[in-house]
Structures are given as C-alpha cells and as structure tokens.
Amino acid sequence: MNIFEESLNILKSKVQLRKLFQDMHVEDIQNVIKRVEAIHEEKMREHNEQKELEDRKKEAVESILGQLQEKGLTLDDLQSSVVVEKVRKGKPRQRYQFQYEKEDGSVVSWEGATTGRISAEFTEYLARTGKERKDCIIAEL
C-alpha cells in the first residue's frame, strides 16, 4: 500500500483521526478543518458546474430531437446523410501498390507503405533479387 492509500485510510476513520490529532493543539486542528472545508467547497463547485453543463447538454439534445420530430426526421436519417472521415493521428503515410514474384512464378500484389513491416515472402524476394521496396511499386494510391 502506498502513502496516499494509507493517508486516505487514516482520514476515513474517526479512530485513526483521533490518534493522529491527539497531540495537536486545537488551533492547528481548526486550521486543518478550514483547509479541508475549502477543498470541499471547491469540489462541490466543480461538481455543480459539471452538473449544469450536463443539464445544458441534455436540454440541447432534447431541443434538437424536438426539431427533428417536427420535421419528420429520425437519427437514422441524419446518420445516413453524414459521412464521417477517419482522423488519423500522426504523420500521413503515402500508400503504394507493390508487385513481386514468388519463387514458384506466381505474381503477388499488395498495398502498403515504403516503411514498416512486410511479409516474409516479400522480404525473401527482395533479398533474392537485390531490389529495394521502391523498385516494386507499380501504382501510387
């Protein structure tokens, strides 16, 4: 158990708090209580603000749903008309169409980038022919 968990266990127990504060002066205990009350007030304010924000969002959703019903639309109608683009984090990679020949003579095509992992067969082909990945590009996607 780490020090924070131990501290919380002490603060949750009246008996443990008595032991902790038995040698403290009354004024020091009052200062601790004031600090705890200040933290409690901050937490309550944050909680109330969060609840108000959630209430406003709920009212906005209900308003929009009401507008949809007035116009005779459903959520399915909205979802079918909206095209969601996938947002990819990081650096965009250019994709290519590669083509290589297996040892048995069959030709294999696959999509990928000029970096990253490749199949064992393609690695073997590159080693066998002495080519680089870029030499096997047949189309840019």
Protein backbone atom coordinates (compact mmCIF):
# COMPACT_ATOMS: atom_id res chain seq x y z
CA MET A 1 0.00 0.00 0.00
CA ASN A 2 1.44 3.39 -0.93
CA ILE A 3 1.47 6.50 1.25
CA PHE A 4 -1.62 8.02 -0.41
CA GLU A 5 -3.75 4.94 0.23
CA GLU A 6 -2.54 4.82 3.83
CA SER A 7 -3.37 8.51 4.28
CA LEU A 8 -6.85 8.02 2.87
CA ASN A 9 -7.45 5.08 5.20
CA ILE A 10 -6.46 7.24 8.18
CA LEU A 11 -8.65 10.15 7.04
CA LYS A 12 -11.67 7.85 6.58
CA SER A 13 -11.51 6.50 10.13
CA LYS A 14 -12.62 8.56 13.13
CA VAL A 15 -10.50 6.44 15.49
CA GLN A 16 -7.42 6.87 13.30
CA LEU A 17 -8.03 10.63 13.10
CA ARG A 18 -8.25 10.84 16.88
CA LYS A 19 -4.87 9.11 17.15
CA LEU A 20 -3.41 11.42 14.52
CA PHE A 21 -4.67 14.62 16.17
CA GLN A 22 -4.31 13.63 19.85
CA ASP A 23 -1.12 15.65 20.33
CA MET A 24 -2.13 18.62 18.16
CA HIS A 25 -3.27 21.95 19.51
CA VAL A 26 -6.91 22.97 18.95
CA GLU A 27 -5.93 25.91 16.73
CA ASP A 28 -3.91 23.61 14.46
CA ILE A 29 -6.88 21.26 14.14
CA GLN A 30 -9.11 24.24 13.27
CA ASN A 31 -6.65 25.26 10.52
CA VAL A 32 -6.73 21.74 9.10
CA ILE A 33 -10.53 21.74 9.19
CA LYS A 34 -10.66 25.10 7.36
CA ARG A 35 -8.38 23.74 4.62
CA VAL A 36 -10.47 20.61 4.25
CA GLU A 37 -13.65 22.70 4.09
CA ALA A 38 -12.09 24.92 1.40
CA ILE A 39 -11.23 21.83 -0.64
CA HIS A 40 -14.76 20.51 -0.11
CA GLU A 41 -16.25 23.79 -1.36
CA GLU A 42 -14.03 23.67 -4.47
CA LYS A 43 -15.09 20.11 -5.19
CA MET A 44 -18.77 20.99 -4.72
CA ARG A 45 -18.40 23.96 -7.07
CA GLU A 46 -16.75 21.75 -9.70
CA HIS A 47 -19.46 19.13 -9.26
CA ASN A 48 -22.24 21.72 -9.62
CA GLU A 49 -20.60 23.24 -12.72
CA GLN A 50 -20.30 19.79 -14.27
CA LYS A 51 -23.93 19.03 -13.47
CA GLU A 52 -25.05 22.35 -15.01
CA LEU A 53 -23.03 21.60 -18.14
CA GLU A 54 -24.59 18.15 -18.42
CA ASP A 55 -28.08 19.66 -17.90
CA ARG A 56 -27.46 22.21 -20.66
CA LYS A 57 -26.27 19.47 -23.00
CA LYS A 58 -29.32 17.38 -22.17
CA GLU A 59 -31.62 20.34 -22.87
CA ALA A 60 -29.84 20.99 -26.18
CA VAL A 61 -30.22 17.35 -27.20
CA GLU A 62 -33.91 17.38 -26.29
CA SER A 63 -34.37 20.58 -28.27
CA ILE A 64 -32.68 19.11 -31.33
CA LEU A 65 -34.69 15.91 -31.05
CA GLY A 66 -37.84 18.01 -30.88
CA GLN A 67 -36.81 19.86 -34.04
CA LEU A 68 -36.15 16.54 -35.77
CA GLN A 69 -39.59 15.27 -34.83
CA GLU A 70 -41.21 18.49 -36.09
CA LYS A 71 -39.52 18.00 -39.46
CA GLY A 72 -40.36 14.29 -39.55
CA LEU A 73 -36.74 13.12 -39.38
CA THR A 74 -35.04 10.43 -37.32
CA LEU A 75 -31.50 9.95 -36.12
CA ASP A 76 -31.05 7.28 -38.79
CA ASP A 77 -31.80 9.91 -41.43
CA LEU A 78 -29.02 12.10 -40.03
CA GLN A 79 -26.53 9.27 -39.78
CA SER A 80 -27.13 8.17 -43.35
CA SER A 81 -26.53 11.69 -44.66
CA VAL A 82 -23.36 12.38 -42.71
CA VAL A 83 -20.07 10.97 -43.96
CA VAL A 84 -17.62 10.55 -41.13
CA GLU A 85 -13.98 10.87 -42.05
CA LYS A 86 -11.49 8.91 -40.06
CA VAL A 87 -8.99 11.26 -38.47
CA ARG A 88 -5.62 9.64 -38.20
CA LYS A 89 -3.16 10.94 -35.68
CA GLY A 90 0.43 11.24 -36.64
CA LYS A 91 2.19 11.72 -39.91
CA PRO A 92 0.25 10.70 -43.04
CA ARG A 93 1.90 7.87 -44.96
CA GLN A 94 1.77 7.53 -48.70
CA ARG A 95 0.34 4.16 -49.76
CA TYR A 96 1.52 2.25 -52.80
CA GLN A 97 0.60 -0.83 -54.82
CA PHE A 98 3.52 -3.28 -54.82
CA GLN A 99 4.03 -6.29 -57.02
CA TYR A 100 6.56 -9.12 -56.73
CA GLU A 101 7.08 -12.63 -57.98
CA LYS A 102 7.21 -15.72 -55.78
CA GLU A 103 9.75 -18.49 -56.34
CA ASP A 104 7.07 -20.64 -58.00
CA GLY A 105 6.48 -17.90 -60.60
CA SER A 106 3.16 -16.55 -59.33
CA VAL A 107 2.79 -12.78 -59.11
CA VAL A 108 1.59 -11.19 -55.87
CA SER A 109 0.19 -7.66 -55.48
CA TRP A 110 -0.38 -5.89 -52.18
CA GLU A 111 -0.87 -2.40 -50.74
CA GLY A 112 1.44 -0.79 -48.25
CA ALA A 113 3.92 1.95 -47.46
CA THR A 114 7.61 2.21 -48.18
CA THR A 115 8.28 1.79 -44.46
CA GLY A 116 7.03 -0.62 -41.84
CA ARG A 117 6.56 -4.36 -41.72
CA ILE A 118 6.36 -6.51 -44.82
CA SER A 119 5.59 -10.15 -45.45
CA ALA A 120 8.28 -12.80 -45.19
CA GLU A 121 7.76 -13.71 -48.86
CA PHE A 122 8.35 -10.12 -49.95
CA THR A 123 11.45 -9.89 -47.75
CA GLU A 124 12.72 -13.08 -49.33
CA TYR A 125 12.00 -11.72 -52.84
CA LEU A 126 13.92 -8.51 -52.10
CA ALA A 127 16.91 -10.48 -50.78
CA ARG A 128 16.82 -12.90 -53.71
CA THR A 129 16.65 -10.21 -56.42
CA GLY A 130 18.70 -7.49 -54.70
CA LYS A 131 15.90 -4.97 -55.26
CA GLU A 132 14.55 -2.39 -52.86
CA ARG A 133 10.90 -1.87 -51.91
CA LYS A 134 10.59 1.20 -54.10
CA ASP A 135 11.64 -0.83 -57.15
CA CYS A 136 8.48 -2.96 -56.76
CA ILE A 137 5.97 -0.06 -56.76
CA ILE A 138 3.51 -0.29 -59.65
CA ALA A 139 1.00 2.38 -58.58
CA GLU A 140 0.58 5.20 -56.07
CA LEU A 141 -2.66 5.08 -54.09
